[in-house]
Amino acid sequence: MENLVYYNYEESHSWKARSPQDEFAFDLVSWLLKTGLVHQEYQDILSDSIIRSFSSYGKMLSIDKSDRICTVILPLLNGYLRAIEDSSFAWNSSSFGKAMDLAKTLLVDDTLDAIRNAVSQVNETTELTYAKGFLQKYWESEPLSSNMLIYRFLACIRNILIRQLEYTEKQDSLQSTDFKSLWHALSSANVVSNLPETEATKKDLRAAYVMSLKYFGDIKQYMDGLEYPSKDFVLELYCTNILVSSLVC
């Protein structure tokens, strides 16, 4: 899994919605999570492996070349998070804690600035490079950016918490699905793996939510710079996603 980043992907724009890098990571992680659902004795090993390899990619965001960040690292990270978001895999409290620790190391100014700088450098070049065309194709439906990483993390956290509620005895009486209600339900209800609420975790989640608001500025700046904006690009799409994933805590 950690060697995926070194795979020689063909420089082509013939793919449709998502790149082979993205789909490769999504399929692999999805398969591993499905294996964990069938063989519960491997859940800890699989979740730790996924988090560890994801972390190794995250570290490359600050040291790799701009074109490689845009065409390899970001698509791989997107595929990882999409798979986690879609899977019904039940993360235990230890793995969830490790995922939150990973979020704390990735969702920081230095890493997010490195992503923004890489995307800006590729987009601002006057030459029509492979990386520039790669980014433009993604921007038509699902922009690759620092905000994409933030949003995917928020969606994963939200879905993990919702799945945990399936194990509670009080799920029928729960009326609200906002983050605060979910979190308190998990802290007080009888669940298989209780996820403790701490001030540090709440602070990290608030910070992630505040950073997600930078979606609007980044997307607007990109759209204003496009000579021929895509008709398929809907600016309100990310507004809706942010509201759905809002962390009310």
Protein backbone atom coordinates (compact mmCIF):
# COMPACT_ATOMS: atom_id res chain seq x y z
CA MET A 1 0.00 0.00 0.00
CA GLU A 2 2.80 2.42 0.85
CA ASN A 3 4.38 1.74 -2.55
CA LEU A 4 1.32 2.88 -4.49
CA VAL A 5 2.79 6.36 -4.73
CA TYR A 6 5.78 5.02 -6.66
CA TYR A 7 3.68 3.25 -9.28
CA ASN A 8 4.25 4.64 -12.77
CA TYR A 9 0.84 5.86 -13.86
CA GLU A 10 0.29 6.58 -17.54
CA GLU A 11 0.13 10.29 -18.35
CA SER A 12 -3.30 10.35 -19.92
CA HIS A 13 -6.51 12.34 -19.59
CA SER A 14 -8.67 9.62 -21.12
CA TRP A 15 -10.34 8.72 -17.80
CA LYS A 16 -13.87 9.95 -17.11
CA ALA A 17 -14.78 11.16 -13.61
CA ARG A 18 -11.72 10.14 -11.60
CA SER A 19 -8.14 9.22 -12.42
CA PRO A 20 -6.66 5.70 -12.25
CA GLN A 21 -4.67 6.80 -9.19
CA ASP A 22 -7.86 7.75 -7.39
CA GLU A 23 -9.77 4.62 -8.43
CA PHE A 24 -6.81 2.36 -7.65
CA ALA A 25 -6.63 3.62 -4.05
CA PHE A 26 -10.42 3.48 -3.67
CA ASP A 27 -10.65 -0.14 -4.89
CA LEU A 28 -7.74 -1.34 -2.76
CA VAL A 29 -8.89 0.29 0.49
CA SER A 30 -12.51 -0.75 -0.15
CA TRP A 31 -11.41 -4.35 -0.58
CA LEU A 32 -9.36 -4.26 2.63
CA LEU A 33 -12.28 -2.79 4.59
CA LYS A 34 -14.64 -5.44 3.19
CA THR A 35 -12.14 -8.08 4.31
CA GLY A 36 -12.25 -6.58 7.80
CA LEU A 37 -16.04 -6.86 7.84
CA VAL A 38 -15.88 -10.57 7.03
CA HIS A 39 -12.83 -11.41 9.16
CA GLN A 40 -13.17 -9.32 12.30
CA GLU A 41 -9.93 -10.73 13.73
CA TYR A 42 -8.06 -8.66 11.13
CA GLN A 43 -9.88 -5.37 11.72
CA ASP A 44 -7.17 -3.81 13.89
CA ILE A 45 -4.36 -4.83 11.55
CA LEU A 46 -6.19 -3.55 8.48
CA SER A 47 -7.24 -0.24 10.00
CA ASP A 48 -3.73 0.41 11.32
CA SER A 49 -2.22 -0.40 7.92
CA ILE A 50 -4.60 1.94 6.13
CA ILE A 51 -3.91 4.79 8.55
CA ARG A 52 -0.14 4.22 8.44
CA SER A 53 0.05 4.20 4.63
CA PHE A 54 -2.26 7.22 4.40
CA SER A 55 0.06 9.02 6.80
CA SER A 56 3.10 8.25 4.65
CA TYR A 57 1.38 9.89 1.67
CA GLY A 58 0.44 12.88 3.79
CA LYS A 59 4.07 13.49 4.71
CA MET A 60 4.96 13.73 1.01
CA LEU A 61 2.69 16.74 0.57
CA SER A 62 5.32 19.02 2.09
CA ILE A 63 8.36 17.62 0.29
CA ASP A 64 7.31 16.36 -3.15
CA LYS A 65 7.21 18.25 -6.45
CA SER A 66 4.12 20.27 -7.31
CA ASP A 67 3.13 18.24 -10.36
CA ARG A 68 3.52 14.97 -8.47
CA ILE A 69 1.45 16.27 -5.56
CA CYS A 70 -1.36 17.19 -7.95
CA THR A 71 -1.33 14.10 -10.16
CA VAL A 72 -0.41 11.34 -7.69
CA ILE A 73 -0.56 12.22 -3.98
CA LEU A 74 -3.86 14.13 -3.90
CA PRO A 75 -5.75 11.60 -6.07
CA LEU A 76 -4.48 8.73 -3.89
CA LEU A 77 -5.55 10.51 -0.71
CA ASN A 78 -8.94 11.23 -2.26
CA GLY A 79 -9.39 7.56 -3.14
CA TYR A 80 -8.45 6.49 0.38
CA LEU A 81 -10.94 8.83 2.03
CA ARG A 82 -13.73 8.01 -0.43
CA ALA A 83 -13.37 4.33 0.43
CA ILE A 84 -13.46 4.99 4.17
CA GLU A 85 -16.44 7.30 3.75
CA ASP A 86 -18.43 4.70 1.78
CA SER A 87 -17.52 1.61 3.80
CA SER A 88 -19.67 0.19 6.60
CA PHE A 89 -16.49 -0.85 8.44
CA ALA A 90 -16.92 -0.31 12.21
CA TRP A 91 -13.83 1.48 13.52
CA ASN A 92 -12.94 0.85 17.14
CA SER A 93 -12.02 3.64 19.53
CA SER A 94 -8.28 3.02 19.18
CA SER A 95 -8.34 3.26 15.38
CA PHE A 96 -10.62 6.29 15.51
CA GLY A 97 -8.16 7.96 17.87
CA LYS A 98 -5.30 7.25 15.46
CA ALA A 99 -7.34 8.70 12.60
CA MET A 100 -7.92 11.85 14.65
CA ASP A 101 -4.19 12.08 15.41
CA LEU A 102 -3.55 11.80 11.68
CA ALA A 103 -6.04 14.59 11.02
CA LYS A 104 -4.20 16.78 13.53
CA THR A 105 -0.94 16.32 11.62
CA LEU A 106 -2.43 16.85 8.16
CA LEU A 107 -5.00 19.58 8.75
CA VAL A 108 -2.44 22.18 9.73
CA ASP A 109 -1.37 25.38 7.99
CA ASP A 110 1.97 24.06 6.72
CA THR A 111 0.47 21.04 4.98
CA LEU A 112 -2.57 22.88 3.64
CA ASP A 113 -0.36 25.71 2.38
CA ALA A 114 1.87 23.17 0.62
CA ILE A 115 -1.19 21.79 -1.20
CA ARG A 116 -2.43 25.26 -2.14
CA ASN A 117 1.01 26.27 -3.41
CA ALA A 118 1.34 23.11 -5.48
CA VAL A 119 -2.08 23.57 -7.06
CA SER A 120 -1.42 27.27 -7.71
CA GLN A 121 1.97 26.62 -9.30
CA VAL A 122 0.53 24.04 -11.66
CA ASN A 123 -2.50 26.16 -12.59
CA GLU A 124 -0.57 29.38 -13.06
CA THR A 125 1.93 27.99 -15.53
CA THR A 126 1.51 29.34 -19.06
CA GLU A 127 2.23 25.94 -20.57
CA LEU A 128 -0.44 23.30 -21.07
CA THR A 129 1.22 20.58 -19.02
CA TYR A 130 -0.08 17.14 -18.10
CA ALA A 131 -0.52 18.21 -14.47
CA LYS A 132 -2.44 21.34 -15.44
CA GLY A 133 -4.82 19.39 -17.66
CA PHE A 134 -5.16 16.79 -14.90
CA LEU A 135 -6.28 19.39 -12.36
CA GLN A 136 -8.63 21.10 -14.77
CA LYS A 137 -10.40 17.82 -15.49
CA TYR A 138 -10.91 17.24 -11.76
CA TRP A 139 -12.16 20.78 -11.21
CA GLU A 140 -15.11 20.11 -13.50
CA SER A 141 -16.73 17.89 -10.87
CA GLU A 142 -14.62 17.35 -7.73
CA PRO A 143 -11.75 19.83 -7.27
CA LEU A 144 -8.46 18.52 -5.91
CA SER A 145 -7.34 20.99 -3.27
CA SER A 146 -6.55 21.45 0.40
CA ASN A 147 -10.27 21.90 0.96
CA MET A 148 -11.00 18.55 -0.66
CA LEU A 149 -8.79 16.92 1.96
CA ILE A 150 -10.58 18.76 4.77
CA TYR A 151 -14.03 17.91 3.45
CA ARG A 152 -13.21 14.22 2.98
CA PHE A 153 -11.93 14.01 6.54
CA LEU A 154 -15.09 15.64 7.86
CA ALA A 155 -17.29 13.29 5.85
CA CYS A 156 -15.36 10.25 7.10
CA ILE A 157 -15.65 11.36 10.73
CA ARG A 158 -19.37 12.00 10.31
CA ASN A 159 -20.00 8.60 8.72
CA ILE A 160 -17.91 6.71 11.27
CA LEU A 161 -19.98 8.24 14.07
CA ILE A 162 -23.25 7.49 12.32
CA ARG A 163 -22.27 3.84 11.85
CA GLN A 164 -21.38 3.56 15.51
CA LEU A 165 -24.94 4.59 16.34
CA GLU A 166 -26.14 1.39 14.74
CA TYR A 167 -24.84 -0.38 17.83
CA THR A 168 -26.63 1.81 20.34
CA GLU A 169 -29.77 0.79 22.16
CA LYS A 170 -31.18 4.30 21.90
CA GLN A 171 -30.92 4.82 18.18
CA ASP A 172 -34.71 4.76 17.67
CA SER A 173 -35.17 7.70 20.02
CA LEU A 174 -32.45 9.86 18.48
CA GLN A 175 -34.15 12.71 16.62
CA SER A 176 -31.19 14.80 15.48
CA THR A 177 -28.28 13.91 13.19
CA ASP A 178 -26.06 16.92 13.81
CA PHE A 179 -22.55 16.21 15.01
CA LYS A 180 -23.07 17.38 18.58
CA SER A 181 -26.03 15.03 19.09
CA LEU A 182 -24.17 12.11 17.58
CA TRP A 183 -21.12 12.73 19.71
CA HIS A 184 -23.05 12.94 22.98
CA ALA A 185 -25.08 9.86 22.06
CA LEU A 186 -21.87 7.93 21.56
CA SER A 187 -20.45 9.18 24.83
CA SER A 188 -23.48 8.20 26.91
CA ALA A 189 -25.09 5.25 25.12
CA ASN A 190 -24.18 1.59 25.39
CA VAL A 191 -22.02 1.11 22.30
CA VAL A 192 -19.65 -1.61 21.20
CA SER A 193 -16.66 0.74 21.10
CA ASN A 194 -17.18 3.95 23.03
CA LEU A 195 -15.51 7.02 21.51
CA PRO A 196 -14.60 9.30 24.42
CA GLU A 197 -15.29 13.00 24.16
CA THR A 198 -12.34 15.19 25.12
CA GLU A 199 -11.68 18.92 24.95
CA ALA A 200 -8.67 18.30 22.70
CA THR A 201 -10.74 16.34 20.19
CA LYS A 202 -13.51 18.93 20.16
CA LYS A 203 -10.93 21.66 19.58
CA ASP A 204 -9.45 19.74 16.64
CA LEU A 205 -12.88 19.22 15.10
CA ARG A 206 -13.76 22.89 15.46
CA ALA A 207 -10.50 23.83 13.78
CA ALA A 208 -11.19 21.43 10.91
CA TYR A 209 -14.64 22.92 10.40
CA VAL A 210 -13.33 26.49 10.40
CA MET A 211 -10.69 25.55 7.83
CA SER A 212 -13.36 23.94 5.66
CA LEU A 213 -14.92 27.37 5.21
CA LYS A 214 -11.93 28.28 3.04
CA TYR A 215 -13.66 26.27 0.30
CA PHE A 216 -15.49 29.32 -0.92
CA GLY A 217 -12.48 31.58 -1.39
CA ASP A 218 -10.36 28.94 -3.10
CA ILE A 219 -13.09 27.81 -5.49
CA LYS A 220 -14.14 31.36 -6.36
CA GLN A 221 -10.53 32.32 -7.06
CA TYR A 222 -10.11 29.37 -9.38
CA MET A 223 -13.38 29.99 -11.19
CA ASP A 224 -12.55 33.66 -11.71
CA GLY A 225 -9.27 32.63 -13.32
CA LEU A 226 -10.79 30.22 -15.82
CA GLU A 227 -11.04 31.56 -19.33
CA TYR A 228 -13.75 29.06 -20.25
CA PRO A 229 -15.52 27.85 -17.08
CA SER A 230 -17.02 24.39 -17.28
CA LYS A 231 -20.79 24.37 -17.57
CA ASP A 232 -20.85 21.24 -15.42
CA PHE A 233 -19.16 22.90 -12.46
CA VAL A 234 -21.65 23.85 -9.74
CA LEU A 235 -20.26 26.26 -7.15
CA GLU A 236 -23.07 25.51 -4.71
CA LEU A 237 -22.09 21.82 -4.59
CA TYR A 238 -19.41 22.38 -1.99
CA CYS A 239 -21.58 24.77 -0.02
CA THR A 240 -24.13 21.98 0.38
CA ASN A 241 -21.49 19.44 1.35
CA ILE A 242 -20.03 21.70 4.00
CA LEU A 243 -23.44 22.32 5.54
CA VAL A 244 -24.24 18.61 5.55
CA SER A 245 -20.91 17.84 7.26
CA SER A 246 -21.08 20.79 9.62
CA LEU A 247 -19.61 20.16 13.04
CA VAL A 248 -21.96 21.69 15.58
CA CYS A 249 -19.93 21.42 18.75
